[in-house]
C-alpha atoms as a PDB file:
ATOM      1  CA  MET A   1      23.018  -9.552 -13.040  1.00  0.00           C
ATOM      2  CA  THR A   2      21.698  -6.267 -14.256  1.00  0.00           C
ATOM      3  CA  TYR A   3      19.899  -3.741 -12.087  1.00  0.00           C
ATOM      4  CA  LEU A   4      16.483  -4.616 -13.519  1.00  0.00           C
ATOM      5  CA  ALA A   5      17.133  -8.338 -13.078  1.00  0.00           C
ATOM      6  CA  ASP A   6      18.028  -7.725  -9.422  1.00  0.00           C
ATOM      7  CA  VAL A   7      14.825  -5.733  -8.886  1.00  0.00           C
ATOM      8  CA  LEU A   8      12.664  -8.383 -10.554  1.00  0.00           C
ATOM      9  CA  THR A   9      14.355 -11.213  -8.659  1.00  0.00           C
ATOM     10  CA  LEU A  10      13.763  -9.533  -5.316  1.00  0.00           C
ATOM     11  CA  ALA A  11      10.148  -8.645  -6.157  1.00  0.00           C
ATOM     12  CA  ARG A  12       9.494 -12.193  -7.366  1.00  0.00           C
ATOM     13  CA  LYS A  13      10.965 -13.578  -4.131  1.00  0.00           C
ATOM     14  CA  ASP A  14       8.604 -11.481  -2.021  1.00  0.00           C
ATOM     15  CA  LEU A  15       5.605 -12.396  -4.164  1.00  0.00           C
ATOM     16  CA  ARG A  16       6.491 -16.089  -3.968  1.00  0.00           C
ATOM     17  CA  LEU A  17       6.918 -15.938  -0.192  1.00  0.00           C
ATOM     18  CA  GLU A  18       3.504 -14.323   0.184  1.00  0.00           C
ATOM     19  CA  LEU A  19       1.840 -16.852  -2.109  1.00  0.00           C
ATOM     20  CA  ARG A  20       3.258 -19.630   0.053  1.00  0.00           C
ATOM     21  CA  ALA A  21       2.584 -18.105   3.457  1.00  0.00           C
ATOM     22  CA  ARG A  22      -0.650 -16.245   2.669  1.00  0.00           C
ATOM     23  CA  GLU A  23      -0.237 -13.920   5.635  1.00  0.00           C
ATOM     24  CA  THR A  24      -0.285 -10.343   4.413  1.00  0.00           C
ATOM     25  CA  LEU A  25      -2.614 -10.276   1.420  1.00  0.00           C
ATOM     26  CA  PRO A  26      -5.636 -11.959   3.056  1.00  0.00           C
ATOM     27  CA  ALA A  27      -5.314  -9.619   6.045  1.00  0.00           C
ATOM     28  CA  MET A  28      -5.143  -6.600   3.748  1.00  0.00           C
ATOM     29  CA  LEU A  29      -8.169  -7.762   1.743  1.00  0.00           C
ATOM     30  CA  LEU A  30     -10.245  -8.471   4.827  1.00  0.00           C
ATOM     31  CA  PHE A  31      -9.278  -5.149   6.379  1.00  0.00           C
ATOM     32  CA  VAL A  32     -10.125  -2.997   3.360  1.00  0.00           C
ATOM     33  CA  VAL A  33     -13.482  -4.665   2.697  1.00  0.00           C
ATOM     34  CA  SER A  34     -14.442  -4.622   6.391  1.00  0.00           C
ATOM     35  CA  THR A  35     -13.481  -0.969   6.656  1.00  0.00           C
ATOM     36  CA  LEU A  36     -15.538  -0.026   3.605  1.00  0.00           C
ATOM     37  CA  VAL A  37     -18.563  -1.933   4.928  1.00  0.00           C
ATOM     38  CA  ILE A  38     -18.267  -0.215   8.320  1.00  0.00           C
ATOM     39  CA  PHE A  39     -17.953   3.181   6.624  1.00  0.00           C
ATOM     40  CA  HIS A  40     -20.995   2.397   4.475  1.00  0.00           C
ATOM     41  CA  PHE A  41     -23.161   1.875   7.524  1.00  0.00           C
ATOM     42  CA  ALA A  42     -21.575   4.743   9.484  1.00  0.00           C
ATOM     43  CA  LEU A  43     -21.976   7.348   6.724  1.00  0.00           C
ATOM     44  CA  PRO A  44     -25.406   8.988   6.723  1.00  0.00           C
ATOM     45  CA  GLU A  45     -27.577   8.498   3.656  1.00  0.00           C
ATOM     46  CA  GLY A  46     -27.206  11.225   1.098  1.00  0.00           C
ATOM     47  CA  ALA A  47     -23.634  12.051   2.107  1.00  0.00           C
ATOM     48  CA  ASP A  48     -21.701  13.759  -0.638  1.00  0.00           C
ATOM     49  CA  GLU A  49     -19.191  12.143  -2.963  1.00  0.00           C
ATOM     50  CA  VAL A  50     -16.223  13.914  -1.388  1.00  0.00           C
ATOM     51  CA  ALA A  51     -16.967  12.364   2.010  1.00  0.00           C
ATOM     52  CA  ALA A  52     -17.243   8.915   0.451  1.00  0.00           C
ATOM     53  CA  GLN A  53     -13.974   9.427  -1.452  1.00  0.00           C
ATOM     54  CA  GLY A  54     -12.286  10.436   1.784  1.00  0.00           C
ATOM     55  CA  LEU A  55     -13.401   7.209   3.406  1.00  0.00           C
ATOM     56  CA  LEU A  56     -12.023   5.217   0.468  1.00  0.00           C
ATOM     57  CA  TRP A  57      -8.660   6.866   1.003  1.00  0.00           C
ATOM     58  CA  VAL A  58      -8.683   6.228   4.736  1.00  0.00           C
ATOM     59  CA  ALA A  59      -9.330   2.550   4.037  1.00  0.00           C
ATOM     60  CA  LEU A  60      -6.601   2.357   1.378  1.00  0.00           C
ATOM     61  CA  VAL A  61      -3.931   4.181   3.410  1.00  0.00           C
ATOM     62  CA  PHE A  62      -4.423   2.046   6.502  1.00  0.00           C
ATOM     63  CA  THR A  63      -4.543  -1.091   4.378  1.00  0.00           C
ATOM     64  CA  ALA A  64      -1.273  -0.053   2.739  1.00  0.00           C
ATOM     65  CA  LEU A  65       0.162   0.440   6.212  1.00  0.00           C
ATOM     66  CA  LEU A  66      -0.640  -3.200   6.989  1.00  0.00           C
ATOM     67  CA  GLY A  67       1.279  -4.343   3.915  1.00  0.00           C
ATOM     68  CA  LEU A  68       4.167  -1.991   4.580  1.00  0.00           C
ATOM     69  CA  ALA A  69       4.496  -3.215   8.150  1.00  0.00           C
ATOM     70  CA  ARG A  70       5.065  -6.732   6.804  1.00  0.00           C
ATOM     71  CA  ALA A  71       7.320  -5.736   3.883  1.00  0.00           C
ATOM     72  CA  TRP A  72      10.584  -6.467   5.679  1.00  0.00           C
ATOM     73  CA  ALA A  73       9.228  -9.090   8.095  1.00  0.00           C
ATOM     74  CA  PRO A  74      10.388 -12.233   6.237  1.00  0.00           C
ATOM     75  CA  GLU A  75      14.002 -11.075   6.199  1.00  0.00           C
ATOM     76  CA  ARG A  76      13.852  -9.827   9.788  1.00  0.00           C
ATOM     77  CA  GLU A  77      12.241 -13.020  11.116  1.00  0.00           C
ATOM     78  CA  SER A  78      14.651 -15.333   9.316  1.00  0.00           C
ATOM     79  CA  GLY A  79      17.710 -13.232  10.127  1.00  0.00           C
ATOM     80  CA  ALA A  80      18.372 -12.637   6.444  1.00  0.00           C
ATOM     81  CA  LEU A  81      18.253  -8.842   6.563  1.00  0.00           C
ATOM     82  CA  GLU A  82      22.027  -8.538   6.922  1.00  0.00           C
ATOM     83  CA  GLY A  83      22.539 -11.015   4.090  1.00  0.00           C
ATOM     84  CA  LEU A  84      20.191  -9.055   1.864  1.00  0.00           C
ATOM     85  CA  VAL A  85      22.094  -5.847   2.531  1.00  0.00           C
ATOM     86  CA  LEU A  86      25.394  -7.635   1.795  1.00  0.00           C
ATOM     87  CA  ALA A  87      24.067  -9.103  -1.472  1.00  0.00           C
ATOM     88  CA  PRO A  88      26.093  -8.140  -4.544  1.00  0.00           C
ATOM     89  CA  CYS A  89      23.512  -5.718  -5.894  1.00  0.00           C
ATOM     90  CA  ASP A  90      22.759  -2.048  -5.621  1.00  0.00           C
ATOM     91  CA  ARG A  91      20.848  -1.254  -2.425  1.00  0.00           C
ATOM     92  CA  SER A  92      18.384   0.814  -4.398  1.00  0.00           C
ATOM     93  CA  ALA A  93      17.506  -2.394  -6.286  1.00  0.00           C
ATOM     94  CA  ILE A  94      16.554  -3.952  -2.940  1.00  0.00           C
ATOM     95  CA  TRP A  95      14.302  -0.992  -2.181  1.00  0.00           C
ATOM     96  CA  LEU A  96      12.787  -0.995  -5.665  1.00  0.00           C
ATOM     97  CA  GLY A  97      12.158  -4.753  -5.555  1.00  0.00           C
ATOM     98  CA  LYS A  98      10.399  -4.409  -2.200  1.00  0.00           C
ATOM     99  CA  THR A  99       8.448  -1.424  -3.512  1.00  0.00           C
ATOM    100  CA  ALA A 100       7.333  -3.400  -6.567  1.00  0.00           C
ATOM    101  CA  ALA A 101       6.170  -6.299  -4.393  1.00  0.00           C
ATOM    102  CA  VAL A 102       4.244  -4.018  -2.022  1.00  0.00           C
ATOM    103  CA  PHE A 103       2.722  -2.246  -5.032  1.00  0.00           C
ATOM    104  CA  ALA A 104       1.627  -5.614  -6.437  1.00  0.00           C
ATOM    105  CA  PHE A 105      -0.057  -6.484  -3.129  1.00  0.00           C
ATOM    106  CA  LEU A 106      -1.713  -3.084  -2.912  1.00  0.00           C
ATOM    107  CA  SER A 107      -2.871  -3.327  -6.533  1.00  0.00           C
ATOM    108  CA  ILE A 108      -4.559  -6.647  -5.800  1.00  0.00           C
ATOM    109  CA  VAL A 109      -6.240  -5.071  -2.783  1.00  0.00           C
ATOM    110  CA  GLU A 110      -7.402  -2.155  -4.927  1.00  0.00           C
ATOM    111  CA  LEU A 111      -8.822  -4.552  -7.526  1.00  0.00           C
ATOM    112  CA  VAL A 112     -11.139  -5.731  -4.744  1.00  0.00           C
ATOM    113  CA  ALA A 113     -11.568  -2.414  -2.908  1.00  0.00           C
ATOM    114  CA  LEU A 114     -12.625  -0.261  -5.854  1.00  0.00           C
ATOM    115  CA  PRO A 115     -15.506  -2.523  -6.971  1.00  0.00           C
ATOM    116  CA  ALA A 116     -16.536  -2.904  -3.318  1.00  0.00           C
ATOM    117  CA  PHE A 117     -16.479   0.879  -2.973  1.00  0.00           C
ATOM    118  CA  GLY A 118     -18.528   1.198  -6.155  1.00  0.00           C
ATOM    119  CA  LEU A 119     -21.048  -1.294  -4.851  1.00  0.00           C
ATOM    120  CA  LEU A 120     -21.381   0.402  -1.464  1.00  0.00           C
ATOM    121  CA  PHE A 121     -21.030   4.089  -2.350  1.00  0.00           C
ATOM    122  CA  GLY A 122     -21.789   4.476  -6.053  1.00  0.00           C
ATOM    123  CA  SER A 123     -19.810   4.188  -9.227  1.00  0.00           C
ATOM    124  CA  VAL A 124     -16.050   4.519  -9.517  1.00  0.00           C
ATOM    125  CA  ASP A 125     -14.907   6.672 -12.407  1.00  0.00           C
ATOM    126  CA  ALA A 126     -11.633   6.671 -14.334  1.00  0.00           C
ATOM    127  CA  ALA A 127     -10.337   9.688 -12.401  1.00  0.00           C
ATOM    128  CA  THR A 128     -10.701   7.794  -9.131  1.00  0.00           C
ATOM    129  CA  VAL A 129      -8.871   4.776 -10.538  1.00  0.00           C
ATOM    130  CA  ALA A 130      -6.088   6.989 -11.912  1.00  0.00           C
ATOM    131  CA  GLY A 131      -5.766   8.846  -8.605  1.00  0.00           C
ATOM    132  CA  VAL A 132      -5.620   5.592  -6.664  1.00  0.00           C
ATOM    133  CA  VAL A 133      -2.975   4.062  -8.937  1.00  0.00           C
ATOM    134  CA  LEU A 134      -0.752   7.133  -8.969  1.00  0.00           C
ATOM    135  CA  ALA A 135      -0.997   7.718  -5.227  1.00  0.00           C
ATOM    136  CA  SER A 136      -0.353   4.020  -4.607  1.00  0.00           C
ATOM    137  CA  ILE A 137       2.961   4.241  -6.420  1.00  0.00           C
ATOM    138  CA  GLY A 138       4.030   7.064  -4.120  1.00  0.00           C
ATOM    139  CA  ILE A 139       2.616   5.373  -1.023  1.00  0.00           C
ATOM    140  CA  CYS A 140       4.555   2.198  -1.791  1.00  0.00           C
ATOM    141  CA  ALA A 141       7.787   4.039  -2.625  1.00  0.00           C
ATOM    142  CA  VAL A 142       7.794   6.219   0.487  1.00  0.00           C
ATOM    143  CA  GLY A 143       6.321   3.533   2.717  1.00  0.00           C
ATOM    144  CA  THR A 144       8.840   0.863   1.741  1.00  0.00           C
ATOM    145  CA  LEU A 145      11.736   3.161   2.552  1.00  0.00           C
ATOM    146  CA  LEU A 146      10.209   4.065   5.916  1.00  0.00           C
ATOM    147  CA  ALA A 147       9.387   0.413   6.629  1.00  0.00           C
ATOM    148  CA  ALA A 148      13.058  -0.437   6.080  1.00  0.00           C
ATOM    149  CA  MET A 149      14.027   2.248   8.578  1.00  0.00           C
ATOM    150  CA  ALA A 150      11.408   1.060  11.072  1.00  0.00           C
ATOM    151  CA  ALA A 151      12.432  -2.600  10.672  1.00  0.00           C
ATOM    152  CA  ALA A 152      15.618  -1.858  12.593  1.00  0.00           C
ATOM    153  CA  SER A 153      13.662  -0.555  15.576  1.00  0.00           C
ATOM    154  CA  ARG A 154      12.330  -2.615  18.466  1.00  0.00           C
ATOM    155  CA  THR A 155       9.156  -0.527  18.330  1.00  0.00           C
ATOM    156  CA  ARG A 156       8.678  -0.879  14.583  1.00  0.00           C
ATOM    157  CA  GLU A 157       4.891  -1.254  14.898  1.00  0.00           C
ATOM    158  CA  LEU A 158       4.751   2.226  16.431  1.00  0.00           C
ATOM    159  CA  VAL A 159       7.531   3.867  14.448  1.00  0.00           C
ATOM    160  CA  LEU A 160       6.229   3.050  10.973  1.00  0.00           C
ATOM    161  CA  PRO A 161       2.822   4.756  11.306  1.00  0.00           C
ATOM    162  CA  LEU A 162       4.427   7.752  13.015  1.00  0.00           C
ATOM    163  CA  LEU A 163       6.865   8.162  10.130  1.00  0.00           C
ATOM    164  CA  PHE A 164       4.544   7.136   7.306  1.00  0.00           C
ATOM    165  CA  LEU A 165       1.249   8.901   7.975  1.00  0.00           C
ATOM    166  CA  PRO A 166       2.579  12.505   7.934  1.00  0.00           C
ATOM    167  CA  LEU A 167       4.520  11.808   4.742  1.00  0.00           C
ATOM    168  CA  ALA A 168       1.530  10.101   3.114  1.00  0.00           C
ATOM    169  CA  ILE A 169      -0.676  13.183   3.503  1.00  0.00           C
ATOM    170  CA  PRO A 170       0.535  14.956   0.321  1.00  0.00           C
ATOM    171  CA  LEU A 171       0.117  11.736  -1.653  1.00  0.00           C
ATOM    172  CA  VAL A 172      -3.409  11.234  -0.365  1.00  0.00           C
ATOM    173  CA  VAL A 173      -4.321  14.884  -0.954  1.00  0.00           C
ATOM    174  CA  GLY A 174      -3.164  14.526  -4.553  1.00  0.00           C
ATOM    175  CA  GLY A 175      -5.075  11.276  -4.980  1.00  0.00           C
ATOM    176  CA  VAL A 176      -8.251  12.710  -3.485  1.00  0.00           C
ATOM    177  CA  GLY A 177      -7.896  15.815  -5.631  1.00  0.00           C
ATOM    178  CA  ALA A 178      -7.576  13.689  -8.746  1.00  0.00           C
ATOM    179  CA  SER A 179     -10.540  11.583  -7.653  1.00  0.00           C
ATOM    180  CA  VAL A 180     -13.038  14.346  -6.926  1.00  0.00           C
ATOM    181  CA  SER A 181     -11.936  17.192  -9.181  1.00  0.00           C
ATOM    182  CA  PRO A 182     -14.495  18.012 -11.859  1.00  0.00           C
ATOM    183  CA  ASP A 183     -11.673  19.478 -13.949  1.00  0.00           C
ATOM    184  CA  ALA A 184      -9.597  16.840 -15.733  1.00  0.00           C
ATOM    185  CA  GLY A 185      -6.557  19.160 -15.805  1.00  0.00           C
END
């Protein structure tokens, strides 16, 4: 098989597993909407747009962390992680397939989160959508790699956030900057 076929096969496998099990995506959706609703009632009336955008990003980053924590769980739980690593494909194809699947999950979450954010905090403009999409690509790429590293640890639930959150800061800063900047350039 070609590299792209390997990536698509692995991404399709993860998407199919999630559609059957329905474990990760519903939890991510419930978390992001609940978080936005809580922030809506916690934020004082008349708060500025930058504060609201910051809360959107907090909700999205922690929701992504939920998905990333489960990215390698099916292989780990079934004991197939070693088999996946020994598969006759480039290891970067494994990472890219996982990244594509996590990005698909996060994109679905964002399709719900952005309208919910617009409903609760005001309209969502194209710059916000672009910032969210671009930062999500980076979040998924970095997060999937770190989730693979954390999957080998007994304390993976603690290790992943400790590794991921500091490295996600530049991505979030870029996304927030794209979302709130009045200058399109």
